[in-house]
Amino acid sequence: MTETMWRCDQVRAGQLYNRMMFDTREEAERFARKMQQMEPDQMFSIEAIEAKQVWN
């Protein structure tokens, strides 16, 4: 497991709709692109976070 994870937030109408965690930035970006095609009314943000913030 790496020290960094990638959080992808889906936001619809200003509200957090879904949050997914990925091991790599590429996985997060691929997910966001795929979802953007299916649901263009959602906004996506991808952020690097320390794994220790997710797992204790």
Protein backbone atom coordinates (compact mmCIF):
# COMPACT_ATOMS: atom_id res chain seq x y z
CA MET A 1 0.00 0.00 0.00
CA THR A 2 1.25 3.48 -0.82
CA GLU A 3 1.45 6.44 1.53
CA THR A 4 -0.82 8.50 -0.73
CA MET A 5 -4.37 7.79 -1.78
CA TRP A 6 -6.52 9.74 -4.19
CA ARG A 7 -9.98 10.96 -3.21
CA CYS A 8 -12.50 11.63 -5.96
CA ASP A 9 -15.56 13.62 -4.88
CA GLN A 10 -18.68 13.81 -7.02
CA VAL A 11 -20.74 16.93 -6.42
CA ARG A 12 -24.23 17.59 -7.75
CA ALA A 13 -26.06 20.89 -7.16
CA GLY A 14 -23.43 21.93 -4.64
CA GLN A 15 -23.87 18.81 -2.49
CA LEU A 16 -21.45 15.91 -2.06
CA TYR A 17 -23.04 13.05 -3.97
CA ASN A 18 -20.36 10.37 -3.72
CA ARG A 19 -16.77 9.94 -2.50
CA MET A 20 -14.48 7.25 -3.84
CA MET A 21 -10.92 6.38 -2.87
CA PHE A 22 -8.28 5.18 -5.35
CA ASP A 23 -4.70 3.94 -5.08
CA THR A 24 -3.46 6.01 -8.05
CA ARG A 25 -4.30 9.34 -9.63
CA GLU A 26 -4.78 7.59 -12.98
CA GLU A 27 -7.54 5.38 -11.55
CA ALA A 28 -9.29 8.41 -10.07
CA GLU A 29 -9.07 10.37 -13.33
CA ARG A 30 -10.32 7.41 -15.37
CA PHE A 31 -13.31 7.04 -13.02
CA ALA A 32 -14.09 10.78 -13.21
CA ARG A 33 -13.93 10.77 -17.04
CA LYS A 34 -16.21 7.76 -17.29
CA MET A 35 -18.73 9.21 -14.85
CA GLN A 36 -18.63 12.63 -16.52
CA GLN A 37 -19.73 11.01 -19.78
CA MET A 38 -22.64 9.25 -18.07
CA GLU A 39 -23.70 12.13 -15.79
CA PRO A 40 -22.53 15.48 -17.20
CA ASP A 41 -24.38 17.48 -14.51
CA GLN A 42 -21.87 16.37 -11.85
CA MET A 43 -18.63 18.09 -10.91
CA PHE A 44 -15.57 16.06 -9.92
CA SER A 45 -12.57 16.93 -7.81
CA ILE A 46 -9.52 14.74 -7.29
CA GLU A 47 -7.26 15.30 -4.31
CA ALA A 48 -4.22 13.52 -2.91
CA ILE A 49 -4.53 12.59 0.76
CA GLU A 50 -2.33 10.68 3.17
CA ALA A 51 -3.39 7.07 3.60
CA LYS A 52 -3.27 7.44 7.38
CA GLN A 53 -6.21 9.87 7.13
CA VAL A 54 -8.29 7.01 5.74
CA TRP A 55 -7.02 3.99 7.64
CA ASN A 56 -6.07 3.89 11.29
